[in-house]
């Protein structure tokens, strides 16, 4: 019993999302200010979906070690996602100015990051960090959204690497079932 209580406490402190949206659910449309290559623009999910699947990943905080590692790994695989017809966007509760810098330094000008400083999109996608300090901060949670607006993958985990592996596999699987 004591081990169970400790495990639950560690889960709460680890930043698990409250309850991720599930595959098959409609992904809510959203518009955010975002940055790629240090330049700001307006990102709208429904517009991005017209081009193919979208990998939407939430991360806790720009320039922290795990989030930097995840951005590097997504950047290294950006061409693989593009070859499968998918686009990427990372979202955190950081400001647009922070995202401009992060998009260049850590995302290596390869994909955009959205600024959700008020946490609205984070809450809509049930990606809130369940820790004690900041409920607008997001957990590490990735979605793959098909062009029809349905979620085809929801993956949550603290380690960054599986997010890239699992989302790329889901995009490739979707592409195999929906050839161009």
C-alpha atoms as a PDB file:
ATOM      1  CA  UNK A   1       0.000   0.000   0.000  1.00  0.00           C
ATOM      2  CA  UNK A   2       2.832   2.373   0.882  1.00  0.00           C
ATOM      3  CA  UNK A   3       4.459   1.677  -2.512  1.00  0.00           C
ATOM      4  CA  UNK A   4       1.221   2.512  -4.308  1.00  0.00           C
ATOM      5  CA  UNK A   5       0.924   5.824  -2.456  1.00  0.00           C
ATOM      6  CA  UNK A   6       4.534   6.680  -3.277  1.00  0.00           C
ATOM      7  CA  UNK A   7       3.981   5.776  -6.926  1.00  0.00           C
ATOM      8  CA  UNK A   8       0.911   8.009  -7.131  1.00  0.00           C
ATOM      9  CA  UNK A   9       2.782  10.859  -5.479  1.00  0.00           C
ATOM     10  CA  UNK A  10       5.663  10.528  -7.951  1.00  0.00           C
ATOM     11  CA  UNK A  11       3.214  10.467 -10.853  1.00  0.00           C
ATOM     12  CA  UNK A  12       1.661  13.711  -9.635  1.00  0.00           C
ATOM     13  CA  UNK A  13       5.036  15.351  -9.207  1.00  0.00           C
ATOM     14  CA  UNK A  14       6.329  14.090 -12.539  1.00  0.00           C
ATOM     15  CA  UNK A  15       3.949  16.316 -14.486  1.00  0.00           C
ATOM     16  CA  UNK A  16       1.515  13.860 -16.012  1.00  0.00           C
ATOM     17  CA  UNK A  17      -1.269  15.491 -17.988  1.00  0.00           C
ATOM     18  CA  UNK A  18      -4.678  15.514 -16.384  1.00  0.00           C
ATOM     19  CA  UNK A  19      -6.255  13.371 -19.102  1.00  0.00           C
ATOM     20  CA  UNK A  20      -5.056  13.480 -22.698  1.00  0.00           C
ATOM     21  CA  UNK A  21      -7.560  13.594 -25.505  1.00  0.00           C
ATOM     22  CA  UNK A  22      -8.038  10.202 -27.134  1.00  0.00           C
ATOM     23  CA  UNK A  23      -7.530   8.901 -30.662  1.00  0.00           C
ATOM     24  CA  UNK A  24     -10.713   9.297 -32.665  1.00  0.00           C
ATOM     25  CA  UNK A  25     -11.701  12.538 -30.929  1.00  0.00           C
ATOM     26  CA  UNK A  26     -11.974  15.716 -32.958  1.00  0.00           C
ATOM     27  CA  UNK A  27      -8.985  17.981 -32.399  1.00  0.00           C
ATOM     28  CA  UNK A  28     -10.185  21.476 -31.461  1.00  0.00           C
ATOM     29  CA  UNK A  29      -9.134  24.139 -33.931  1.00  0.00           C
ATOM     30  CA  UNK A  30      -6.935  26.907 -32.548  1.00  0.00           C
ATOM     31  CA  UNK A  31      -4.953  29.923 -33.607  1.00  0.00           C
ATOM     32  CA  UNK A  32      -1.724  30.971 -31.878  1.00  0.00           C
ATOM     33  CA  UNK A  33       1.087  33.374 -32.420  1.00  0.00           C
ATOM     34  CA  UNK A  34       4.090  31.242 -33.289  1.00  0.00           C
ATOM     35  CA  UNK A  35       7.674  31.608 -34.429  1.00  0.00           C
ATOM     36  CA  UNK A  36       9.916  29.810 -36.861  1.00  0.00           C
ATOM     37  CA  UNK A  37      13.430  30.913 -37.663  1.00  0.00           C
ATOM     38  CA  UNK A  38      13.026  33.793 -35.219  1.00  0.00           C
ATOM     39  CA  UNK A  39      10.113  35.295 -37.139  1.00  0.00           C
ATOM     40  CA  UNK A  40       6.574  35.454 -35.810  1.00  0.00           C
ATOM     41  CA  UNK A  41       3.435  34.429 -37.707  1.00  0.00           C
ATOM     42  CA  UNK A  42      -0.086  33.284 -36.979  1.00  0.00           C
ATOM     43  CA  UNK A  43      -0.548  29.506 -36.873  1.00  0.00           C
ATOM     44  CA  UNK A  44      -4.042  28.064 -37.338  1.00  0.00           C
ATOM     45  CA  UNK A  45      -4.498  24.311 -36.997  1.00  0.00           C
ATOM     46  CA  UNK A  46      -7.275  24.031 -39.612  1.00  0.00           C
ATOM     47  CA  UNK A  47      -5.045  25.777 -42.170  1.00  0.00           C
ATOM     48  CA  UNK A  48      -2.090  23.483 -41.420  1.00  0.00           C
ATOM     49  CA  UNK A  49      -4.321  20.394 -41.735  1.00  0.00           C
ATOM     50  CA  UNK A  50      -5.097  21.354 -45.347  1.00  0.00           C
ATOM     51  CA  UNK A  51      -1.487  20.390 -46.109  1.00  0.00           C
ATOM     52  CA  UNK A  52      -1.540  17.001 -44.330  1.00  0.00           C
ATOM     53  CA  UNK A  53      -1.253  15.557 -40.824  1.00  0.00           C
ATOM     54  CA  UNK A  54      -0.021  17.795 -38.016  1.00  0.00           C
ATOM     55  CA  UNK A  55       2.184  16.697 -35.144  1.00  0.00           C
ATOM     56  CA  UNK A  56       1.209  18.930 -32.240  1.00  0.00           C
ATOM     57  CA  UNK A  57       3.512  18.511 -29.284  1.00  0.00           C
ATOM     58  CA  UNK A  58       3.251  20.229 -25.940  1.00  0.00           C
ATOM     59  CA  UNK A  59       6.322  20.766 -23.803  1.00  0.00           C
ATOM     60  CA  UNK A  60       6.786  22.353 -20.375  1.00  0.00           C
ATOM     61  CA  UNK A  61       9.321  25.165 -20.849  1.00  0.00           C
ATOM     62  CA  UNK A  62      11.603  26.456 -23.588  1.00  0.00           C
ATOM     63  CA  UNK A  63      15.333  26.261 -22.873  1.00  0.00           C
ATOM     64  CA  UNK A  64      15.059  23.578 -20.183  1.00  0.00           C
ATOM     65  CA  UNK A  65      17.140  20.443 -20.709  1.00  0.00           C
ATOM     66  CA  UNK A  66      14.402  17.964 -21.673  1.00  0.00           C
ATOM     67  CA  UNK A  67      12.553  20.468 -23.848  1.00  0.00           C
ATOM     68  CA  UNK A  68      15.768  21.476 -25.609  1.00  0.00           C
ATOM     69  CA  UNK A  69      16.597  17.801 -26.234  1.00  0.00           C
ATOM     70  CA  UNK A  70      13.094  17.221 -27.625  1.00  0.00           C
ATOM     71  CA  UNK A  71      13.349  20.270 -29.912  1.00  0.00           C
ATOM     72  CA  UNK A  72      16.721  19.055 -31.220  1.00  0.00           C
ATOM     73  CA  UNK A  73      15.313  15.584 -31.947  1.00  0.00           C
ATOM     74  CA  UNK A  74      12.236  16.975 -33.725  1.00  0.00           C
ATOM     75  CA  UNK A  75      14.538  19.283 -35.735  1.00  0.00           C
ATOM     76  CA  UNK A  76      16.766  16.355 -36.701  1.00  0.00           C
ATOM     77  CA  UNK A  77      13.682  14.497 -37.936  1.00  0.00           C
ATOM     78  CA  UNK A  78      11.842  17.437 -39.537  1.00  0.00           C
ATOM     79  CA  UNK A  79      12.730  16.187 -43.029  1.00  0.00           C
ATOM     80  CA  UNK A  80      11.396  12.710 -42.185  1.00  0.00           C
ATOM     81  CA  UNK A  81       8.082  14.234 -41.087  1.00  0.00           C
ATOM     82  CA  UNK A  82       7.973  16.393 -44.228  1.00  0.00           C
ATOM     83  CA  UNK A  83       8.660  13.368 -46.457  1.00  0.00           C
ATOM     84  CA  UNK A  84       5.623  11.706 -44.893  1.00  0.00           C
ATOM     85  CA  UNK A  85       3.602  14.859 -45.587  1.00  0.00           C
ATOM     86  CA  UNK A  86       3.297  16.024 -41.977  1.00  0.00           C
ATOM     87  CA  UNK A  87       4.037  19.345 -40.366  1.00  0.00           C
ATOM     88  CA  UNK A  88       5.226  19.990 -36.819  1.00  0.00           C
ATOM     89  CA  UNK A  89       4.387  22.545 -34.176  1.00  0.00           C
ATOM     90  CA  UNK A  90       5.535  22.650 -30.578  1.00  0.00           C
ATOM     91  CA  UNK A  91       3.499  24.568 -28.002  1.00  0.00           C
ATOM     92  CA  UNK A  92       4.377  25.815 -24.525  1.00  0.00           C
ATOM     93  CA  UNK A  93       3.225  28.559 -22.187  1.00  0.00           C
ATOM     94  CA  UNK A  94       6.272  30.645 -23.050  1.00  0.00           C
ATOM     95  CA  UNK A  95       5.989  34.156 -24.515  1.00  0.00           C
ATOM     96  CA  UNK A  96       6.326  34.886 -28.218  1.00  0.00           C
ATOM     97  CA  UNK A  97       9.692  36.568 -27.641  1.00  0.00           C
ATOM     98  CA  UNK A  98      10.981  33.410 -25.955  1.00  0.00           C
ATOM     99  CA  UNK A  99       9.595  31.282 -28.809  1.00  0.00           C
ATOM    100  CA  UNK A 100      11.328  33.445 -31.411  1.00  0.00           C
ATOM    101  CA  UNK A 101      14.670  32.726 -29.774  1.00  0.00           C
ATOM    102  CA  UNK A 102      13.871  29.042 -29.111  1.00  0.00           C
ATOM    103  CA  UNK A 103      12.751  28.508 -32.724  1.00  0.00           C
ATOM    104  CA  UNK A 104      16.164  29.541 -33.964  1.00  0.00           C
ATOM    105  CA  UNK A 105      18.520  28.232 -31.297  1.00  0.00           C
ATOM    106  CA  UNK A 106      16.891  24.932 -30.361  1.00  0.00           C
ATOM    107  CA  UNK A 107      14.405  24.149 -33.160  1.00  0.00           C
ATOM    108  CA  UNK A 108      17.182  25.070 -35.587  1.00  0.00           C
ATOM    109  CA  UNK A 109      14.802  26.994 -37.872  1.00  0.00           C
ATOM    110  CA  UNK A 110      13.169  23.670 -38.851  1.00  0.00           C
ATOM    111  CA  UNK A 111       9.661  23.995 -37.382  1.00  0.00           C
ATOM    112  CA  UNK A 112       7.506  26.476 -35.483  1.00  0.00           C
ATOM    113  CA  UNK A 113       6.758  26.802 -31.802  1.00  0.00           C
ATOM    114  CA  UNK A 114       3.583  28.430 -30.555  1.00  0.00           C
ATOM    115  CA  UNK A 115       3.257  30.851 -27.651  1.00  0.00           C
ATOM    116  CA  UNK A 116       0.345  29.885 -25.393  1.00  0.00           C
ATOM    117  CA  UNK A 117       1.169  32.231 -22.512  1.00  0.00           C
ATOM    118  CA  UNK A 118      -2.417  32.191 -21.211  1.00  0.00           C
ATOM    119  CA  UNK A 119      -2.571  28.371 -21.382  1.00  0.00           C
ATOM    120  CA  UNK A 120      -5.818  28.300 -23.358  1.00  0.00           C
ATOM    121  CA  UNK A 121      -4.680  25.769 -25.975  1.00  0.00           C
ATOM    122  CA  UNK A 122      -2.878  23.741 -23.303  1.00  0.00           C
ATOM    123  CA  UNK A 123      -6.120  23.437 -21.331  1.00  0.00           C
ATOM    124  CA  UNK A 124      -8.214  22.748 -24.450  1.00  0.00           C
ATOM    125  CA  UNK A 125      -5.943  19.803 -25.309  1.00  0.00           C
ATOM    126  CA  UNK A 126      -5.878  18.564 -21.709  1.00  0.00           C
ATOM    127  CA  UNK A 127      -2.129  18.991 -21.611  1.00  0.00           C
ATOM    128  CA  UNK A 128      -1.812  20.804 -18.275  1.00  0.00           C
ATOM    129  CA  UNK A 129       1.077  19.969 -16.047  1.00  0.00           C
ATOM    130  CA  UNK A 130      -0.457  18.431 -12.953  1.00  0.00           C
ATOM    131  CA  UNK A 131       2.364  19.610 -10.687  1.00  0.00           C
ATOM    132  CA  UNK A 132       1.797  22.075  -7.914  1.00  0.00           C
ATOM    133  CA  UNK A 133       3.325  25.260  -9.292  1.00  0.00           C
ATOM    134  CA  UNK A 134       1.772  26.357 -12.587  1.00  0.00           C
ATOM    135  CA  UNK A 135      -1.359  24.902 -14.126  1.00  0.00           C
ATOM    136  CA  UNK A 136      -0.835  26.780 -17.420  1.00  0.00           C
ATOM    137  CA  UNK A 137       2.467  24.969 -17.904  1.00  0.00           C
ATOM    138  CA  UNK A 138       2.059  21.957 -20.148  1.00  0.00           C
ATOM    139  CA  UNK A 139       3.048  18.393 -19.667  1.00  0.00           C
ATOM    140  CA  UNK A 140       5.121  16.576 -22.314  1.00  0.00           C
ATOM    141  CA  UNK A 141       2.283  15.378 -24.546  1.00  0.00           C
ATOM    142  CA  UNK A 142       2.214  14.740 -28.290  1.00  0.00           C
ATOM    143  CA  UNK A 143      -0.664  14.384 -30.702  1.00  0.00           C
ATOM    144  CA  UNK A 144      -0.836  13.388 -34.340  1.00  0.00           C
ATOM    145  CA  UNK A 145      -3.862  14.904 -36.022  1.00  0.00           C
ATOM    146  CA  UNK A 146      -5.116  13.655 -39.401  1.00  0.00           C
ATOM    147  CA  UNK A 147      -6.233  16.120 -42.093  1.00  0.00           C
ATOM    148  CA  UNK A 148      -9.871  15.314 -41.236  1.00  0.00           C
ATOM    149  CA  UNK A 149      -9.227  16.827 -37.790  1.00  0.00           C
ATOM    150  CA  UNK A 150      -9.309  13.540 -35.874  1.00  0.00           C
ATOM    151  CA  UNK A 151      -6.619  12.627 -33.391  1.00  0.00           C
ATOM    152  CA  UNK A 152      -4.801   9.485 -34.497  1.00  0.00           C
ATOM    153  CA  UNK A 153      -2.214   9.369 -31.710  1.00  0.00           C
ATOM    154  CA  UNK A 154      -1.935  10.783 -28.207  1.00  0.00           C
ATOM    155  CA  UNK A 155       1.296  10.009 -26.372  1.00  0.00           C
ATOM    156  CA  UNK A 156       2.466  11.262 -23.009  1.00  0.00           C
ATOM    157  CA  UNK A 157       5.806  10.578 -21.374  1.00  0.00           C
ATOM    158  CA  UNK A 158       8.621  12.391 -19.635  1.00  0.00           C
ATOM    159  CA  UNK A 159      11.387  11.141 -21.930  1.00  0.00           C
ATOM    160  CA  UNK A 160      11.597  13.217 -25.129  1.00  0.00           C
ATOM    161  CA  UNK A 161      12.894  10.538 -27.545  1.00  0.00           C
ATOM    162  CA  UNK A 162       9.768   8.330 -27.660  1.00  0.00           C
ATOM    163  CA  UNK A 163       7.694  11.360 -28.705  1.00  0.00           C
ATOM    164  CA  UNK A 164       9.625  11.615 -31.950  1.00  0.00           C
ATOM    165  CA  UNK A 165       9.632   7.857 -32.564  1.00  0.00           C
ATOM    166  CA  UNK A 166       5.925   7.371 -31.846  1.00  0.00           C
ATOM    167  CA  UNK A 167       4.661  10.414 -33.729  1.00  0.00           C
ATOM    168  CA  UNK A 168       6.798   9.648 -36.788  1.00  0.00           C
ATOM    169  CA  UNK A 169       5.603   6.016 -36.777  1.00  0.00           C
ATOM    170  CA  UNK A 170       1.971   7.178 -36.551  1.00  0.00           C
ATOM    171  CA  UNK A 171       2.438   9.638 -39.427  1.00  0.00           C
ATOM    172  CA  UNK A 172       4.084   6.972 -41.576  1.00  0.00           C
ATOM    173  CA  UNK A 173       1.325   4.492 -40.762  1.00  0.00           C
ATOM    174  CA  UNK A 174      -1.309   7.081 -41.672  1.00  0.00           C
ATOM    175  CA  UNK A 175       0.555   7.900 -44.916  1.00  0.00           C
ATOM    176  CA  UNK A 176       0.733   4.205 -45.870  1.00  0.00           C
ATOM    177  CA  UNK A 177      -3.058   3.986 -45.504  1.00  0.00           C
ATOM    178  CA  UNK A 178      -3.573   7.292 -47.366  1.00  0.00           C
ATOM    179  CA  UNK A 179      -1.114   7.397 -50.290  1.00  0.00           C
ATOM    180  CA  UNK A 180      -0.834  10.662 -52.207  1.00  0.00           C
END
